[in-house]
C-alpha atoms as a PDB file:
ATOM      1  CA  MET A   1      -0.201  -0.144  -0.083  1.00  0.00           C
ATOM      2  CA  ARG A   2       3.056   2.124   1.002  1.00  0.00           C
ATOM      3  CA  ALA A   3       4.585   1.788  -2.304  1.00  0.00           C
ATOM      4  CA  LYS A   4       1.548   2.372  -4.286  1.00  0.00           C
ATOM      5  CA  LEU A   5       0.932   5.822  -2.516  1.00  0.00           C
ATOM      6  CA  THR A   6       4.307   6.704  -3.177  1.00  0.00           C
ATOM      7  CA  LEU A   7       3.960   6.113  -7.025  1.00  0.00           C
ATOM      8  CA  LEU A   8       0.843   8.183  -6.704  1.00  0.00           C
ATOM      9  CA  ALA A   9       2.681  10.864  -4.899  1.00  0.00           C
ATOM     10  CA  TRP A  10       5.224  10.941  -7.748  1.00  0.00           C
ATOM     11  CA  ALA A  11       3.041  10.982 -10.597  1.00  0.00           C
ATOM     12  CA  LEU A  12       0.746  13.868  -8.914  1.00  0.00           C
ATOM     13  CA  GLY A  13       4.017  15.795  -8.379  1.00  0.00           C
ATOM     14  CA  LEU A  14       5.025  15.605 -11.918  1.00  0.00           C
ATOM     15  CA  LEU A  15       1.809  16.274 -13.345  1.00  0.00           C
ATOM     16  CA  ALA A  16       1.973  19.585 -11.072  1.00  0.00           C
ATOM     17  CA  LEU A  17       5.021  20.182 -12.577  1.00  0.00           C
ATOM     18  CA  ALA A  18       3.861  19.768 -16.252  1.00  0.00           C
ATOM     19  CA  HIS A  19       1.091  21.607 -15.796  1.00  0.00           C
ATOM     20  CA  PRO A  20       1.454  24.384 -12.860  1.00  0.00           C
ATOM     21  CA  ALA A  21      -1.840  26.360 -14.006  1.00  0.00           C
ATOM     22  CA  LEU A  22      -3.888  23.400 -12.796  1.00  0.00           C
ATOM     23  CA  VAL A  23      -2.732  23.015  -9.431  1.00  0.00           C
ATOM     24  CA  PRO A  24      -4.858  25.536  -7.589  1.00  0.00           C
ATOM     25  CA  VAL A  25      -8.015  23.865  -9.235  1.00  0.00           C
ATOM     26  CA  VAL A  26      -7.240  20.608  -8.389  1.00  0.00           C
ATOM     27  CA  LEU A  27      -6.523  21.706  -4.912  1.00  0.00           C
ATOM     28  CA  ASP A  28      -9.942  23.533  -4.832  1.00  0.00           C
ATOM     29  CA  VAL A  29     -11.478  20.603  -5.991  1.00  0.00           C
ATOM     30  CA  LEU A  30      -9.917  18.120  -3.246  1.00  0.00           C
ATOM     31  CA  GLY A  31     -10.675  20.794  -0.688  1.00  0.00           C
ATOM     32  CA  ILE A  32     -14.282  20.640  -1.665  1.00  0.00           C
ATOM     33  CA  ALA A  33     -14.250  16.860  -1.437  1.00  0.00           C
ATOM     34  CA  VAL A  34     -12.791  16.705   1.701  1.00  0.00           C
ATOM     35  CA  ALA A  35     -15.146  19.249   3.267  1.00  0.00           C
ATOM     36  CA  MET A  36     -18.131  17.304   2.126  1.00  0.00           C
ATOM     37  CA  ALA A  37     -16.556  14.091   3.418  1.00  0.00           C
ATOM     38  CA  ALA A  38     -15.964  15.817   6.845  1.00  0.00           C
ATOM     39  CA  ALA A  39     -19.533  17.168   6.806  1.00  0.00           C
ATOM     40  CA  ALA A  40     -21.104  13.946   5.988  1.00  0.00           C
ATOM     41  CA  VAL A  41     -19.132  12.264   8.878  1.00  0.00           C
ATOM     42  CA  VAL A  42     -19.930  15.063  11.156  1.00  0.00           C
ATOM     43  CA  GLY A  43     -23.804  14.995  10.307  1.00  0.00           C
ATOM     44  CA  VAL A  44     -23.327  11.072  11.040  1.00  0.00           C
ATOM     45  CA  ILE A  45     -22.134  11.346  14.613  1.00  0.00           C
ATOM     46  CA  GLY A  46     -24.512  14.355  15.380  1.00  0.00           C
ATOM     47  CA  TRP A  47     -27.534  12.078  14.032  1.00  0.00           C
ATOM     48  CA  ALA A  48     -25.996   9.282  16.316  1.00  0.00           C
ATOM     49  CA  LEU A  49     -25.567  11.693  19.407  1.00  0.00           C
ATOM     50  CA  ALA A  50     -29.104  12.692  18.722  1.00  0.00           C
ATOM     51  CA  ASN A  51     -30.324   9.621  18.679  1.00  0.00           C
ATOM     52  CA  ILE A  52     -28.612   8.085  21.253  1.00  0.00           C
ATOM     53  CA  SER A  53     -31.125   5.351  22.869  1.00  0.00           C
ATOM     54  CA  PHE A  54     -31.867   3.993  19.236  1.00  0.00           C
ATOM     55  CA  THR A  55     -28.193   3.848  18.616  1.00  0.00           C
ATOM     56  CA  LEU A  56     -27.468   2.135  21.778  1.00  0.00           C
ATOM     57  CA  THR A  57     -30.325  -0.272  21.397  1.00  0.00           C
ATOM     58  CA  ALA A  58     -28.950  -1.186  18.011  1.00  0.00           C
ATOM     59  CA  ALA A  59     -25.400  -1.544  19.291  1.00  0.00           C
ATOM     60  CA  SER A  60     -26.840  -3.843  21.992  1.00  0.00           C
ATOM     61  CA  VAL A  61     -28.807  -6.111  19.559  1.00  0.00           C
ATOM     62  CA  LEU A  62     -25.815  -6.539  17.493  1.00  0.00           C
ATOM     63  CA  LEU A  63     -23.796  -7.517  20.400  1.00  0.00           C
ATOM     64  CA  LEU A  64     -26.416  -9.973  21.661  1.00  0.00           C
ATOM     65  CA  LEU A  65     -26.335 -11.344  18.333  1.00  0.00           C
ATOM     66  CA  ARG A  66     -22.716 -12.095  18.144  1.00  0.00           C
ATOM     67  CA  VAL A  67     -22.892 -13.492  21.854  1.00  0.00           C
ATOM     68  CA  PHE A  68     -25.870 -15.524  21.220  1.00  0.00           C
ATOM     69  CA  PRO A  69     -26.245 -16.522  17.385  1.00  0.00           C
ATOM     70  CA  GLY A  70     -29.272 -18.663  18.139  1.00  0.00           C
ATOM     71  CA  ILE A  71     -31.568 -15.837  19.378  1.00  0.00           C
ATOM     72  CA  PRO A  72     -32.995 -15.252  15.908  1.00  0.00           C
ATOM     73  CA  ARG A  73     -34.242 -18.861  15.655  1.00  0.00           C
ATOM     74  CA  TRP A  74     -35.099 -18.937  18.977  1.00  0.00           C
ATOM     75  CA  PHE A  75     -37.157 -15.742  18.615  1.00  0.00           C
ATOM     76  CA  ARG A  76     -38.914 -17.198  15.320  1.00  0.00           C
ATOM     77  CA  HIS A  77     -39.933 -20.412  17.405  1.00  0.00           C
ATOM     78  CA  SER A  78     -41.472 -18.081  20.128  1.00  0.00           C
ATOM     79  CA  TRP A  79     -43.273 -16.037  17.715  1.00  0.00           C
ATOM     80  CA  VAL A  80     -44.828 -18.724  16.093  1.00  0.00           C
ATOM     81  CA  ALA A  81     -45.766 -20.339  19.552  1.00  0.00           C
ATOM     82  CA  SER A  82     -47.299 -17.036  20.968  1.00  0.00           C
ATOM     83  CA  VAL A  83     -49.282 -16.835  17.537  1.00  0.00           C
ATOM     84  CA  ALA A  84     -50.467 -20.321  18.167  1.00  0.00           C
ATOM     85  CA  ALA A  85     -51.708 -19.628  21.298  1.00  0.00           C
ATOM     86  CA  VAL A  86     -53.589 -16.580  20.783  1.00  0.00           C
ATOM     87  CA  ALA A  87     -54.819 -17.518  17.058  1.00  0.00           C
ATOM     88  CA  PRO A  88     -54.389 -21.295  16.431  1.00  0.00           C
ATOM     89  CA  GLU A  89     -56.060 -20.863  13.100  1.00  0.00           C
ATOM     90  CA  LYS A  90     -53.290 -18.595  11.616  1.00  0.00           C
ATOM     91  CA  ALA A  91     -50.186 -20.558  13.274  1.00  0.00           C
END
């Protein structure tokens, strides 16, 4: 990965030397792209903090599913049993 980044840096450096008038334009475009990516990250973090109870609930469900992998199967069986107890004709 480091070798590829080095080659990319060299290629961009050579392009900057060959076309110096394009450097400010490219830097502006890259700056806008970085700013948009940062705004998206801040937006996601802000949403997660504003909806902290939902975020924590989703995280706890994911952890429980990792710790107890049979929960979805158990939940399906218990759901069918509860429907059968309430409405036997629908089970």
